[in-house]
């Protein structure tokens, strides 16, 4: 994400909320901060994060860079 911030792109990460629970994340405060800044969108457990990312990219004429 840092590369794209440095190049002045608007960036938002998409993940599933289940991966950000206290039991699975060491730095929950950082995830909470990113969410409050609008830099991460946490999809609910019953929603596929890939679908959310596709819809966001379509709506904003954006692109998706994925690691999965």
Foldseek 3Di string as FASTA:
>chain_A
DVVCVVVVDQAAAEEAVVCLDPVNDPCNVVVVVCVVVRRYDHHYPVDDRVVVVVVVCVVVVHDDDDDD
